[in-house]
Amino acid sequence: MFKSMAIAAFSLSSILVAPLASANWQVNNEQSNVSFVSIKKNSVAEAHHFKNVSGTLNEQGQFKLMIDLTSVETLIPIRNERMTKLLFETAKFPNAVLTADLSKALLTLKPGQHVLKGLKAELDFHGNKKELTIDVLANMSPKGDVTVSSFTPVIINASDFKVTEGISELQKLAGLPSIATAVPVTFSLTLDKEK
């Protein structure tokens, strides 16, 4: 349930051309979005997002995306508060961090729109790390800025990151019969080429 999750931004580099491979890129927070969908009562789905994300891609193809978990926005203030305290435990784990080595993708892909399947990344969330496989759609502008979006949702399982207890607490406080422990995450990231 985390933009990082969204994680998947790393794929972005895959679209860069050799002439631009000697540059660095910064994630543009204002033009980026990491969203997730929570499902309660077995069938009620609600979309949420994170207001603050940051990240870099360097000329060696090393990508890092940081999702500020305290910036979760569910449109219900008390739910935002409960999610940060009980689920994410932001006092201990303020960020989710996604990293990927895109060096090979930088060498082989050309500018334009590309569907990239099976990109490997690592998500560090709630003190636990897991390798993810992500499919993305990437594009590069004439001036070298890059946009990367999820081609298919990334499914994050609560048990992989030991947050099932937090979900149970949220469920009890909200008086709900159920909250899904598998969450689809989508993202759209814009990376500005540094001047």
C-alpha atoms as a PDB file:
ATOM      1  CA  MET A   1       0.000   0.000   0.000  1.00  0.00           C
ATOM      2  CA  PHE A   2       2.678   2.354  -0.699  1.00  0.00           C
ATOM      3  CA  LYS A   3       3.700   4.424  -3.424  1.00  0.00           C
ATOM      4  CA  SER A   4       6.419   2.636  -3.247  1.00  0.00           C
ATOM      5  CA  MET A   5       5.719   0.661  -3.659  1.00  0.00           C
ATOM      6  CA  ALA A   6       5.118   2.106  -6.356  1.00  0.00           C
ATOM      7  CA  ILE A   7       7.243   1.534  -6.434  1.00  0.00           C
ATOM      8  CA  ALA A   8       8.211   0.645  -9.736  1.00  0.00           C
ATOM      9  CA  ALA A   9       9.500   3.923 -10.791  1.00  0.00           C
ATOM     10  CA  PHE A  10      12.879   2.428 -11.283  1.00  0.00           C
ATOM     11  CA  SER A  11      11.742   1.184 -14.596  1.00  0.00           C
ATOM     12  CA  LEU A  12      11.845   4.682 -15.814  1.00  0.00           C
ATOM     13  CA  SER A  13      15.470   4.605 -16.619  1.00  0.00           C
ATOM     14  CA  SER A  14      14.885   1.887 -19.057  1.00  0.00           C
ATOM     15  CA  ILE A  15      13.807   4.408 -21.597  1.00  0.00           C
ATOM     16  CA  LEU A  16      16.880   6.545 -21.569  1.00  0.00           C
ATOM     17  CA  VAL A  17      19.176   6.836 -24.528  1.00  0.00           C
ATOM     18  CA  ALA A  18      22.933   6.453 -24.453  1.00  0.00           C
ATOM     19  CA  PRO A  19      23.591  10.177 -25.035  1.00  0.00           C
ATOM     20  CA  LEU A  20      21.550  10.965 -21.924  1.00  0.00           C
ATOM     21  CA  ALA A  21      23.060   8.218 -19.791  1.00  0.00           C
ATOM     22  CA  SER A  22      25.574  10.703 -18.400  1.00  0.00           C
ATOM     23  CA  ALA A  23      22.899  12.630 -16.538  1.00  0.00           C
ATOM     24  CA  ASN A  24      21.067  12.583 -13.235  1.00  0.00           C
ATOM     25  CA  TRP A  25      17.314  12.803 -12.658  1.00  0.00           C
ATOM     26  CA  GLN A  26      15.175  13.920  -9.710  1.00  0.00           C
ATOM     27  CA  VAL A  27      11.616  12.795  -8.963  1.00  0.00           C
ATOM     28  CA  ASN A  28       9.233  15.743  -9.362  1.00  0.00           C
ATOM     29  CA  ASN A  29       6.818  15.441  -6.432  1.00  0.00           C
ATOM     30  CA  GLU A  30       4.252  17.803  -7.929  1.00  0.00           C
ATOM     31  CA  GLN A  31       3.969  15.705 -11.086  1.00  0.00           C
ATOM     32  CA  SER A  32       4.184  12.270  -9.455  1.00  0.00           C
ATOM     33  CA  ASN A  33       1.638  10.080  -7.745  1.00  0.00           C
ATOM     34  CA  VAL A  34       1.702   6.837  -5.789  1.00  0.00           C
ATOM     35  CA  SER A  35      -1.722   5.392  -5.014  1.00  0.00           C
ATOM     36  CA  PHE A  36      -3.162   2.293  -3.387  1.00  0.00           C
ATOM     37  CA  VAL A  37      -6.619   0.812  -2.994  1.00  0.00           C
ATOM     38  CA  SER A  38      -7.943  -0.513   0.295  1.00  0.00           C
ATOM     39  CA  ILE A  39     -10.866  -2.923   0.356  1.00  0.00           C
ATOM     40  CA  LYS A  40     -13.146  -3.228   3.357  1.00  0.00           C
ATOM     41  CA  LYS A  41     -16.298  -5.286   4.016  1.00  0.00           C
ATOM     42  CA  ASN A  42     -15.129  -7.619   1.216  1.00  0.00           C
ATOM     43  CA  SER A  43     -16.345  -5.315  -1.571  1.00  0.00           C
ATOM     44  CA  VAL A  44     -15.967  -1.623  -0.663  1.00  0.00           C
ATOM     45  CA  ALA A  45     -12.889  -0.216  -2.411  1.00  0.00           C
ATOM     46  CA  GLU A  46     -11.352   3.202  -1.696  1.00  0.00           C
ATOM     47  CA  ALA A  47      -8.405   4.903  -3.401  1.00  0.00           C
ATOM     48  CA  HIS A  48      -5.697   6.636  -1.358  1.00  0.00           C
ATOM     49  CA  HIS A  49      -2.376   8.285  -2.181  1.00  0.00           C
ATOM     50  CA  PHE A  50       0.804   9.738  -0.700  1.00  0.00           C
ATOM     51  CA  LYS A  51       1.347  13.483  -0.959  1.00  0.00           C
ATOM     52  CA  ASN A  52       5.140  13.404  -0.695  1.00  0.00           C
ATOM     53  CA  VAL A  53       7.574  11.309  -2.711  1.00  0.00           C
ATOM     54  CA  SER A  54      11.175  11.965  -3.679  1.00  0.00           C
ATOM     55  CA  GLY A  55      13.891  10.106  -5.474  1.00  0.00           C
ATOM     56  CA  THR A  56      16.867  10.068  -7.806  1.00  0.00           C
ATOM     57  CA  LEU A  57      18.249   8.202 -10.774  1.00  0.00           C
ATOM     58  CA  ASN A  58      21.973   8.598 -11.391  1.00  0.00           C
ATOM     59  CA  GLU A  59      24.085   8.119 -14.500  1.00  0.00           C
ATOM     60  CA  GLN A  60      25.138   4.656 -13.296  1.00  0.00           C
ATOM     61  CA  GLY A  61      21.491   3.562 -13.393  1.00  0.00           C
ATOM     62  CA  GLN A  62      20.948   3.410  -9.622  1.00  0.00           C
ATOM     63  CA  PHE A  63      17.362   4.370  -8.782  1.00  0.00           C
ATOM     64  CA  LYS A  64      15.948   5.239  -5.358  1.00  0.00           C
ATOM     65  CA  LEU A  65      12.375   6.270  -4.538  1.00  0.00           C
ATOM     66  CA  MET A  66      11.377   7.438  -1.066  1.00  0.00           C
ATOM     67  CA  ILE A  67       7.717   7.505  -0.042  1.00  0.00           C
ATOM     68  CA  ASP A  68       6.895   9.676   2.972  1.00  0.00           C
ATOM     69  CA  LEU A  69       4.414   7.453   4.819  1.00  0.00           C
ATOM     70  CA  THR A  70       3.348  10.330   7.077  1.00  0.00           C
ATOM     71  CA  SER A  71       1.895  11.984   3.965  1.00  0.00           C
ATOM     72  CA  VAL A  72      -0.789   9.342   3.354  1.00  0.00           C
ATOM     73  CA  GLU A  73      -4.065  10.925   2.210  1.00  0.00           C
ATOM     74  CA  THR A  74      -7.300   8.961   2.592  1.00  0.00           C
ATOM     75  CA  LEU A  75      -9.570  12.068   2.695  1.00  0.00           C
ATOM     76  CA  ILE A  76     -10.533  11.185   6.285  1.00  0.00           C
ATOM     77  CA  PRO A  77      -8.215  12.854   8.859  1.00  0.00           C
ATOM     78  CA  ILE A  78      -8.770  10.291  11.637  1.00  0.00           C
ATOM     79  CA  ARG A  79      -8.068   7.468   9.203  1.00  0.00           C
ATOM     80  CA  ASN A  80      -4.865   9.194   8.062  1.00  0.00           C
ATOM     81  CA  GLU A  81      -3.783   9.415  11.693  1.00  0.00           C
ATOM     82  CA  ARG A  82      -4.636   5.809  12.495  1.00  0.00           C
ATOM     83  CA  MET A  83      -2.919   4.548   9.379  1.00  0.00           C
ATOM     84  CA  THR A  84       0.323   6.401  10.118  1.00  0.00           C
ATOM     85  CA  LYS A  85       0.374   5.361  13.788  1.00  0.00           C
ATOM     86  CA  LEU A  86      -1.010   1.824  13.759  1.00  0.00           C
ATOM     87  CA  LEU A  87      -0.297   0.473  10.286  1.00  0.00           C
ATOM     88  CA  PHE A  88       2.831   2.244   9.044  1.00  0.00           C
ATOM     89  CA  GLU A  89       4.184   3.021  12.543  1.00  0.00           C
ATOM     90  CA  THR A  90       5.867   6.101  11.159  1.00  0.00           C
ATOM     91  CA  ALA A  91       7.536   6.954  14.481  1.00  0.00           C
ATOM     92  CA  LYS A  92       9.836   3.989  13.740  1.00  0.00           C
ATOM     93  CA  PHE A  93       9.478   3.653   9.963  1.00  0.00           C
ATOM     94  CA  PRO A  94       8.764   7.069   8.392  1.00  0.00           C
ATOM     95  CA  ASN A  95       9.534   6.060   4.812  1.00  0.00           C
ATOM     96  CA  ALA A  96       9.115   3.224   2.357  1.00  0.00           C
ATOM     97  CA  VAL A  97      12.135   2.997   0.053  1.00  0.00           C
ATOM     98  CA  LEU A  98      12.228   1.384  -3.362  1.00  0.00           C
ATOM     99  CA  THR A  99      15.586   0.766  -5.053  1.00  0.00           C
ATOM    100  CA  ALA A 100      16.597  -0.741  -8.374  1.00  0.00           C
ATOM    101  CA  ASP A 101      19.640  -1.153 -10.594  1.00  0.00           C
ATOM    102  CA  LEU A 102      18.674   0.117 -14.038  1.00  0.00           C
ATOM    103  CA  SER A 103      22.116   0.181 -15.577  1.00  0.00           C
ATOM    104  CA  LYS A 104      21.349  -2.570 -18.110  1.00  0.00           C
ATOM    105  CA  ALA A 105      18.076  -0.936 -19.113  1.00  0.00           C
ATOM    106  CA  LEU A 106      19.861   2.377 -19.674  1.00  0.00           C
ATOM    107  CA  LEU A 107      22.173   0.770 -22.194  1.00  0.00           C
ATOM    108  CA  THR A 108      19.601  -1.157 -24.201  1.00  0.00           C
ATOM    109  CA  LEU A 109      16.521   1.059 -24.480  1.00  0.00           C
ATOM    110  CA  LYS A 110      15.801   3.990 -26.739  1.00  0.00           C
ATOM    111  CA  PRO A 111      13.624   7.077 -26.269  1.00  0.00           C
ATOM    112  CA  GLY A 112       9.883   6.815 -26.726  1.00  0.00           C
ATOM    113  CA  GLN A 113       7.114   4.817 -25.144  1.00  0.00           C
ATOM    114  CA  HIS A 114       8.023   1.370 -23.835  1.00  0.00           C
ATOM    115  CA  VAL A 115       6.323  -1.392 -21.928  1.00  0.00           C
ATOM    116  CA  LEU A 116       8.885  -2.913 -19.582  1.00  0.00           C
ATOM    117  CA  LYS A 117       8.037  -6.259 -18.043  1.00  0.00           C
ATOM    118  CA  GLY A 118       9.603  -8.086 -15.151  1.00  0.00           C
ATOM    119  CA  LEU A 119      11.786  -5.256 -13.808  1.00  0.00           C
ATOM    120  CA  LYS A 120      13.350  -6.178 -10.483  1.00  0.00           C
ATOM    121  CA  ALA A 121      13.292  -3.827  -7.507  1.00  0.00           C
ATOM    122  CA  GLU A 122      13.595  -4.040  -3.743  1.00  0.00           C
ATOM    123  CA  LEU A 123      11.043  -2.504  -1.386  1.00  0.00           C
ATOM    124  CA  ASP A 124      12.144  -1.629   2.148  1.00  0.00           C
ATOM    125  CA  PHE A 125       8.968  -1.089   4.168  1.00  0.00           C
ATOM    126  CA  HIS A 126       8.221  -1.319   7.879  1.00  0.00           C
ATOM    127  CA  GLY A 127      11.682  -2.713   8.580  1.00  0.00           C
ATOM    128  CA  ASN A 128      11.317  -5.542   6.074  1.00  0.00           C
ATOM    129  CA  LYS A 129      12.744  -5.919   2.571  1.00  0.00           C
ATOM    130  CA  LYS A 130      11.280  -7.812  -0.357  1.00  0.00           C
ATOM    131  CA  GLU A 131      12.122  -8.123  -4.031  1.00  0.00           C
ATOM    132  CA  LEU A 132       9.323  -7.051  -6.360  1.00  0.00           C
ATOM    133  CA  THR A 133       8.773  -7.612 -10.056  1.00  0.00           C
ATOM    134  CA  ILE A 134       7.131  -4.630 -11.759  1.00  0.00           C
ATOM    135  CA  ASP A 135       5.732  -3.926 -15.226  1.00  0.00           C
ATOM    136  CA  VAL A 136       5.851  -0.282 -16.317  1.00  0.00           C
ATOM    137  CA  LEU A 137       5.212   2.096 -19.195  1.00  0.00           C
ATOM    138  CA  ALA A 138       8.027   4.611 -19.677  1.00  0.00           C
ATOM    139  CA  ASN A 139       8.420   7.680 -21.860  1.00  0.00           C
ATOM    140  CA  MET A 140      11.041  10.397 -22.337  1.00  0.00           C
ATOM    141  CA  SER A 141      10.401  13.968 -23.389  1.00  0.00           C
ATOM    142  CA  PRO A 142      12.513  15.781 -26.011  1.00  0.00           C
ATOM    143  CA  LYS A 143      14.339  17.634 -23.210  1.00  0.00           C
ATOM    144  CA  GLY A 144      15.251  14.422 -21.420  1.00  0.00           C
ATOM    145  CA  ASP A 145      12.670  14.294 -18.608  1.00  0.00           C
ATOM    146  CA  VAL A 146      11.261  10.838 -17.936  1.00  0.00           C
ATOM    147  CA  THR A 147       7.798   9.618 -16.963  1.00  0.00           C
ATOM    148  CA  VAL A 148       7.164   6.126 -15.687  1.00  0.00           C
ATOM    149  CA  SER A 149       3.816   4.611 -14.770  1.00  0.00           C
ATOM    150  CA  SER A 150       2.612   1.209 -13.700  1.00  0.00           C
ATOM    151  CA  PHE A 151       1.445  -0.931 -16.616  1.00  0.00           C
ATOM    152  CA  THR A 152      -0.121  -3.391 -14.179  1.00  0.00           C
ATOM    153  CA  PRO A 153      -0.806  -2.849 -10.445  1.00  0.00           C
ATOM    154  CA  VAL A 154       1.830  -3.959  -7.962  1.00  0.00           C
ATOM    155  CA  ILE A 155       0.263  -6.203  -5.314  1.00  0.00           C
ATOM    156  CA  ILE A 156       1.645  -5.636  -1.814  1.00  0.00           C
ATOM    157  CA  ASN A 157       0.886  -8.355   0.742  1.00  0.00           C
ATOM    158  CA  ALA A 158       0.721  -7.240   4.372  1.00  0.00           C
ATOM    159  CA  SER A 159       2.262 -10.482   5.631  1.00  0.00           C
ATOM    160  CA  ASP A 160       5.449  -9.846   3.618  1.00  0.00           C
ATOM    161  CA  PHE A 161       6.077  -6.681   5.627  1.00  0.00           C
ATOM    162  CA  LYS A 162       4.612  -7.711   8.971  1.00  0.00           C
ATOM    163  CA  VAL A 163       1.784  -5.175   9.020  1.00  0.00           C
ATOM    164  CA  THR A 164      -1.141  -7.592   9.397  1.00  0.00           C
ATOM    165  CA  GLU A 165      -1.390  -6.705  13.103  1.00  0.00           C
ATOM    166  CA  GLY A 166      -1.805  -3.057  12.219  1.00  0.00           C
ATOM    167  CA  ILE A 167      -4.558  -3.907   9.767  1.00  0.00           C
ATOM    168  CA  SER A 168      -6.341  -5.900  12.488  1.00  0.00           C
ATOM    169  CA  GLU A 169      -6.147  -2.906  14.827  1.00  0.00           C
ATOM    170  CA  LEU A 170      -7.574  -0.605  12.166  1.00  0.00           C
ATOM    171  CA  GLN A 171     -10.365  -3.094  11.531  1.00  0.00           C
ATOM    172  CA  LYS A 172     -11.318  -3.207  15.227  1.00  0.00           C
ATOM    173  CA  LEU A 173     -11.241   0.568  15.680  1.00  0.00           C
ATOM    174  CA  ALA A 174     -13.399   1.112  12.598  1.00  0.00           C
ATOM    175  CA  GLY A 175     -15.786  -1.720  13.543  1.00  0.00           C
ATOM    176  CA  LEU A 176     -15.355  -3.412  10.197  1.00  0.00           C
ATOM    177  CA  PRO A 177     -15.932  -7.102   9.461  1.00  0.00           C
ATOM    178  CA  SER A 178     -12.855  -7.199   7.210  1.00  0.00           C
ATOM    179  CA  ILE A 179     -10.021  -5.237   5.593  1.00  0.00           C
ATOM    180  CA  ALA A 180      -8.094  -6.854   2.755  1.00  0.00           C
ATOM    181  CA  THR A 181      -4.442  -7.655   3.477  1.00  0.00           C
ATOM    182  CA  ALA A 182      -3.376  -7.606  -0.194  1.00  0.00           C
ATOM    183  CA  VAL A 183      -3.281  -4.118  -1.689  1.00  0.00           C
ATOM    184  CA  PRO A 184      -2.895  -3.049  -5.334  1.00  0.00           C
ATOM    185  CA  VAL A 185      -0.516  -0.112  -5.790  1.00  0.00           C
ATOM    186  CA  THR A 186      -0.217   2.054  -8.902  1.00  0.00           C
ATOM    187  CA  PHE A 187       2.115   4.937  -9.663  1.00  0.00           C
ATOM    188  CA  SER A 188       3.017   7.627 -12.144  1.00  0.00           C
ATOM    189  CA  LEU A 189       6.403   9.276 -11.683  1.00  0.00           C
ATOM    190  CA  THR A 190       7.999  12.191 -13.473  1.00  0.00           C
ATOM    191  CA  LEU A 191      11.761  12.553 -13.226  1.00  0.00           C
ATOM    192  CA  ASP A 192      13.287  15.852 -14.217  1.00  0.00           C
ATOM    193  CA  LYS A 193      16.682  15.792 -15.884  1.00  0.00           C
ATOM    194  CA  GLU A 194      19.127  17.911 -13.936  1.00  0.00           C
ATOM    195  CA  LYS A 195      20.533  20.857 -15.826  1.00  0.00           C
END
